[in-house]
Amino acid sequence: MIGSAPLLYWVFILFDFLATLGLLSNRVQRVNLHSIKIRQCRLTQN
């Protein structure tokens, strides 16, 4: 039990993490595109 409990715990976290990525995938992509645009603007200004 001691060895199997943490495994189930991490599996639960992994599925929760993947579900969160699935729900926020569009938002994350938008944020990444926005940050890339900001970096490009900073590079062009320099």
Protein backbone atom coordinates (compact mmCIF):
# COMPACT_ATOMS: atom_id res chain seq x y z
CA MET A 1 0.00 0.00 0.00
CA ILE A 2 2.79 2.42 0.85
CA GLY A 3 4.39 1.96 -2.56
CA SER A 4 1.16 1.99 -4.58
CA ALA A 5 -0.45 5.03 -2.95
CA PRO A 6 2.04 7.63 -4.31
CA LEU A 7 1.81 6.03 -7.76
CA LEU A 8 -1.97 6.48 -7.87
CA TYR A 9 -1.49 10.00 -6.51
CA TRP A 10 0.89 10.97 -9.33
CA VAL A 11 -1.33 9.29 -11.95
CA PHE A 12 -4.25 11.38 -10.68
CA ILE A 13 -2.14 14.55 -10.89
CA LEU A 14 -1.00 13.59 -14.40
CA PHE A 15 -4.56 13.12 -15.67
CA ASP A 16 -5.66 16.36 -14.00
CA PHE A 17 -2.71 18.16 -15.60
CA LEU A 18 -3.52 16.75 -19.05
CA ALA A 19 -7.18 17.70 -18.64
CA THR A 20 -6.17 21.24 -17.66
CA LEU A 21 -3.89 21.46 -20.71
CA GLY A 22 -6.75 20.29 -22.90
CA LEU A 23 -9.12 22.93 -21.54
CA LEU A 24 -6.58 25.75 -21.65
CA SER A 25 -4.73 24.72 -24.83
CA ASN A 26 -6.28 27.53 -26.87
CA ARG A 27 -5.53 30.15 -24.22
CA VAL A 28 -1.96 28.91 -23.82
CA GLN A 29 -1.38 29.09 -27.56
CA ARG A 30 -2.70 32.66 -27.62
CA VAL A 31 -0.44 33.67 -24.73
CA ASN A 32 2.56 32.09 -26.46
CA LEU A 33 1.81 33.92 -29.71
CA HIS A 34 1.40 37.18 -27.79
CA SER A 35 4.71 36.72 -25.96
CA ILE A 36 6.46 35.91 -29.25
CA LYS A 37 5.11 39.13 -30.79
CA ILE A 38 6.36 41.12 -27.80
CA ARG A 39 9.82 39.54 -28.13
CA GLN A 40 9.92 40.32 -31.84
CA CYS A 41 8.97 43.95 -31.13
CA ARG A 42 11.74 44.23 -28.54
CA LEU A 43 14.26 42.74 -30.96
CA THR A 44 13.24 45.15 -33.72
CA GLN A 45 13.44 48.14 -31.37
CA ASN A 46 16.98 47.20 -30.35
